[in-house]
Amino acid sequence: MNGFRQRFRDQVRDEVKDVALTQLAEGGVEAVSINAIARALGVSGPSLYRYFASRDALLTELVVDAYADLEAAVTGAADLAAFATRFRGWALAHPARYRLLFAAPPEGRDQLPDAIIDASVKLMRTLVPLVPAPAPAPTASLRAELERWARARDLDVTPAVGLRAILIWSRLHGFVSLEIEGNFASMDLDADKLFAAELAVLGA
């Protein structure tokens, strides 16, 4: 493909993703529609399949892009507190994209596409070096699972540190998810104060 065609292709793909992100912000994942994007761009629906093989392929790219942006936001964090603060800040600034990161796999698919798994692993690699000691010792059966998890993702991490990283990830995701859905506001609680308490629990 020559340079002009590639630039044109990249431009169209960017325009498609921009419209999809608007749909996502306005109505969630269910609102993302290839035909609606085509109408917004003044082209036919089938013509867009030259740029994205399917709606799932488009959503996968949006997830990978979001992971890359989140990774960029947390890269350079000096410690866990900085990582968590940047993680939360990105999620609050981009709630629709954050929800998309952790959406369930498309119906009929048992697991996420490899591209999404690879993108999430990059973010985990940013977190792992910031995990504070001591790390909890996993049970024997969980230890074996953690070893398989780390090996499959080429993560140089002990089962104990891997376990703590996953638990930190889970708590952080849970907190941010509750916050962006307005749960703390509905409880009339100050999310900033709660987050400071959460960082203390995490050992950050």
Protein backbone atom coordinates (compact mmCIF):
# COMPACT_ATOMS: atom_id res chain seq x y z
CA MET A 1 0.00 0.00 0.00
CA ASN A 2 1.48 3.33 -1.05
CA GLY A 3 1.91 6.24 1.34
CA PHE A 4 -1.13 8.20 0.17
CA ARG A 5 -3.47 5.23 0.46
CA GLN A 6 -2.12 4.39 3.89
CA ARG A 7 -2.61 7.96 5.08
CA PHE A 8 -6.17 7.95 3.72
CA ARG A 9 -6.86 4.62 5.38
CA ASP A 10 -5.49 5.83 8.71
CA GLN A 11 -7.57 9.00 8.45
CA VAL A 12 -10.80 7.08 7.82
CA ARG A 13 -10.05 4.68 10.67
CA ASP A 14 -9.42 7.60 13.02
CA GLU A 15 -12.68 9.24 11.97
CA VAL A 16 -14.58 6.00 12.55
CA LYS A 17 -13.07 5.65 16.02
CA ASP A 18 -13.84 9.29 16.86
CA VAL A 19 -17.53 8.79 16.04
CA ALA A 20 -17.55 5.49 17.93
CA LEU A 21 -16.11 7.21 21.01
CA THR A 22 -18.88 9.82 20.82
CA GLN A 23 -21.46 7.03 20.65
CA LEU A 24 -19.76 5.30 23.56
CA ALA A 25 -19.86 8.44 25.70
CA GLU A 26 -23.50 9.10 24.87
CA GLY A 27 -24.95 5.60 25.20
CA GLY A 28 -22.38 3.06 26.31
CA VAL A 29 -21.11 0.02 24.43
CA GLU A 30 -24.60 -0.84 23.14
CA ALA A 31 -24.75 2.50 21.30
CA VAL A 32 -21.73 1.76 19.12
CA SER A 33 -23.09 0.97 15.65
CA ILE A 34 -21.24 0.60 12.36
CA ASN A 35 -24.31 1.71 10.38
CA ALA A 36 -24.79 4.80 12.55
CA ILE A 37 -21.12 5.66 12.19
CA ALA A 38 -21.43 5.32 8.43
CA ARG A 39 -24.42 7.68 8.38
CA ALA A 40 -22.50 10.21 10.48
CA LEU A 41 -19.61 10.07 8.02
CA GLY A 42 -21.87 10.16 4.96
CA VAL A 43 -20.86 6.77 3.62
CA SER A 44 -22.45 3.35 3.32
CA GLY A 45 -22.24 0.85 6.17
CA PRO A 46 -20.63 -1.91 4.09
CA SER A 47 -17.86 0.45 2.98
CA LEU A 48 -16.57 0.71 6.55
CA TYR A 49 -15.94 -3.02 6.72
CA ARG A 50 -12.89 -2.37 4.55
CA TYR A 51 -11.43 -0.61 7.60
CA PHE A 52 -12.83 -2.71 10.44
CA ALA A 53 -13.78 -6.33 9.82
CA SER A 54 -16.62 -6.18 12.35
CA ARG A 55 -18.11 -4.19 15.20
CA ASP A 56 -16.17 -6.41 17.60
CA ALA A 57 -12.95 -5.55 15.77
CA LEU A 58 -13.72 -1.85 16.17
CA LEU A 59 -14.48 -2.27 19.88
CA THR A 60 -11.27 -4.24 20.34
CA GLU A 61 -9.25 -1.38 18.89
CA LEU A 62 -11.03 1.11 21.13
CA VAL A 63 -10.14 -1.00 24.16
CA VAL A 64 -6.50 -1.35 23.09
CA ASP A 65 -6.30 2.41 22.49
CA ALA A 66 -7.80 3.08 25.91
CA TYR A 67 -5.33 0.76 27.60
CA ALA A 68 -2.49 2.55 25.82
CA ASP A 69 -3.76 5.94 27.01
CA LEU A 70 -4.20 4.69 30.57
CA GLU A 71 -0.74 3.14 30.50
CA ALA A 72 0.71 6.47 29.33
CA ALA A 73 -1.09 8.22 32.18
CA VAL A 74 0.41 5.97 34.88
CA THR A 75 3.86 5.52 33.35
CA GLY A 76 6.50 7.24 35.40
CA ALA A 77 4.59 6.94 38.69
CA ALA A 78 7.19 6.87 41.45
CA ASP A 79 5.17 4.71 43.82
CA LEU A 80 1.85 2.96 44.27
CA ALA A 81 0.10 6.08 45.55
CA ALA A 82 1.07 7.98 42.39
CA PHE A 83 0.03 5.05 40.19
CA ALA A 84 -3.35 4.76 41.91
CA THR A 85 -3.94 8.52 41.79
CA ARG A 86 -3.14 8.70 38.08
CA PHE A 87 -5.24 5.58 37.41
CA ARG A 88 -8.22 7.15 39.18
CA GLY A 89 -7.67 10.49 37.48
CA TRP A 90 -7.72 8.93 34.01
CA ALA A 91 -10.87 6.95 34.82
CA LEU A 92 -12.70 10.03 36.10
CA ALA A 93 -11.67 11.99 33.01
CA HIS A 94 -12.74 9.18 30.63
CA PRO A 95 -15.52 7.20 32.35
CA ALA A 96 -17.00 5.73 29.17
CA ARG A 97 -13.62 4.50 27.98
CA TYR A 98 -12.84 3.14 31.44
CA ARG A 99 -16.08 1.13 31.50
CA LEU A 100 -15.19 -0.26 28.08
CA LEU A 101 -11.87 -1.59 29.39
CA PHE A 102 -13.61 -3.99 31.73
CA ALA A 103 -16.67 -4.87 29.68
CA ALA A 104 -17.50 -8.55 29.36
CA PRO A 105 -16.32 -10.39 26.21
CA PRO A 106 -18.76 -10.33 23.30
CA GLU A 107 -21.53 -12.92 23.49
CA GLY A 108 -20.33 -16.32 22.34
CA ARG A 109 -16.68 -15.62 23.17
CA ASP A 110 -15.13 -17.27 26.22
CA GLN A 111 -12.24 -14.86 26.63
CA LEU A 112 -10.96 -11.51 25.50
CA PRO A 113 -9.02 -11.11 22.23
CA ASP A 114 -5.25 -11.49 22.51
CA ALA A 115 -4.74 -7.83 21.62
CA ILE A 116 -6.71 -6.77 24.71
CA ILE A 117 -4.93 -9.25 26.96
CA ASP A 118 -1.56 -7.99 25.70
CA ALA A 119 -2.59 -4.38 26.33
CA SER A 120 -3.72 -5.14 29.87
CA VAL A 121 -0.47 -6.98 30.59
CA LYS A 122 1.50 -3.84 29.69
CA LEU A 123 -0.44 -1.96 32.34
CA MET A 124 0.18 -4.73 34.88
CA ARG A 125 3.92 -4.52 34.13
CA THR A 126 3.75 -0.87 35.17
CA LEU A 127 2.05 -1.77 38.45
CA VAL A 128 4.16 -4.78 39.51
CA PRO A 129 7.39 -2.89 40.38
CA LEU A 130 5.38 -0.56 42.62
CA VAL A 131 3.81 -3.31 44.74
CA PRO A 132 4.83 -2.70 48.37
CA ALA A 133 6.14 -5.42 50.65
CA PRO A 134 5.26 -7.60 52.38
CA ALA A 135 3.21 -9.58 49.89
CA PRO A 136 0.78 -12.26 51.15
CA ALA A 137 1.79 -15.89 50.69
CA PRO A 138 -0.71 -17.64 48.41
CA THR A 139 -2.07 -21.10 49.11
CA ALA A 140 -0.42 -23.99 47.27
CA SER A 141 -3.23 -24.31 44.72
CA LEU A 142 -3.38 -20.56 44.11
CA ARG A 143 0.40 -20.43 43.86
CA ALA A 144 0.29 -22.82 40.90
CA GLU A 145 -2.35 -20.69 39.17
CA LEU A 146 -0.34 -17.52 39.77
CA GLU A 147 2.76 -19.16 38.33
CA ARG A 148 0.81 -20.12 35.18
CA TRP A 149 -0.66 -16.60 34.97
CA ALA A 150 2.77 -14.95 35.19
CA ARG A 151 4.40 -17.41 32.81
CA ALA A 152 1.69 -17.00 30.17
CA ARG A 153 2.11 -13.23 30.28
CA ASP A 154 5.91 -13.22 30.52
CA LEU A 155 5.76 -11.42 33.85
CA ASP A 156 8.91 -11.72 35.96
CA VAL A 157 7.11 -11.80 39.29
CA THR A 158 6.89 -14.13 42.27
CA PRO A 159 3.50 -15.66 43.08
CA ALA A 160 3.32 -13.56 46.27
CA VAL A 161 3.97 -10.27 44.46
CA GLY A 162 1.69 -11.32 41.62
CA LEU A 163 -1.09 -12.02 44.10
CA ARG A 164 -0.70 -8.63 45.78
CA ALA A 165 -0.63 -6.87 42.40
CA ILE A 166 -3.88 -8.57 41.38
CA LEU A 167 -5.52 -7.74 44.71
CA ILE A 168 -4.42 -4.10 44.42
CA TRP A 169 -5.72 -4.01 40.84
CA SER A 170 -9.06 -5.48 42.00
CA ARG A 171 -9.49 -3.03 44.87
CA LEU A 172 -8.50 -0.05 42.75
CA HIS A 173 -10.86 -1.08 39.95
CA GLY A 174 -13.67 -1.63 42.44
CA PHE A 175 -13.20 1.78 44.02
CA VAL A 176 -13.01 3.64 40.71
CA SER A 177 -15.99 1.76 39.28
CA LEU A 178 -18.13 2.69 42.28
CA GLU A 179 -17.02 6.30 42.02
CA ILE A 180 -17.69 6.80 38.32
CA GLU A 181 -21.14 5.23 38.73
CA GLY A 182 -21.97 7.80 41.42
CA ASN A 183 -22.25 5.37 44.32
CA PHE A 184 -20.20 7.43 46.76
CA ALA A 185 -22.10 10.59 45.84
CA SER A 186 -25.41 8.82 46.47
CA MET A 187 -24.06 7.81 49.89
CA ASP A 188 -23.17 11.47 50.53
CA LEU A 189 -19.53 10.52 51.12
CA ASP A 190 -16.45 12.45 50.00
CA ALA A 191 -14.72 10.27 47.39
CA ASP A 192 -11.40 12.06 47.86
CA LYS A 193 -11.33 11.25 51.57
CA LEU A 194 -12.37 7.67 50.87
CA PHE A 195 -9.63 7.35 48.28
CA ALA A 196 -7.03 8.56 50.77
CA ALA A 197 -8.24 5.86 53.17
CA GLU A 198 -8.09 3.29 50.36
CA LEU A 199 -4.47 4.20 49.63
CA ALA A 200 -3.64 3.64 53.30
CA VAL A 201 -5.26 0.19 53.15
CA LEU A 202 -3.25 -0.62 50.03
CA GLY A 203 -0.07 0.36 51.81
CA ALA A 204 0.58 3.16 49.34
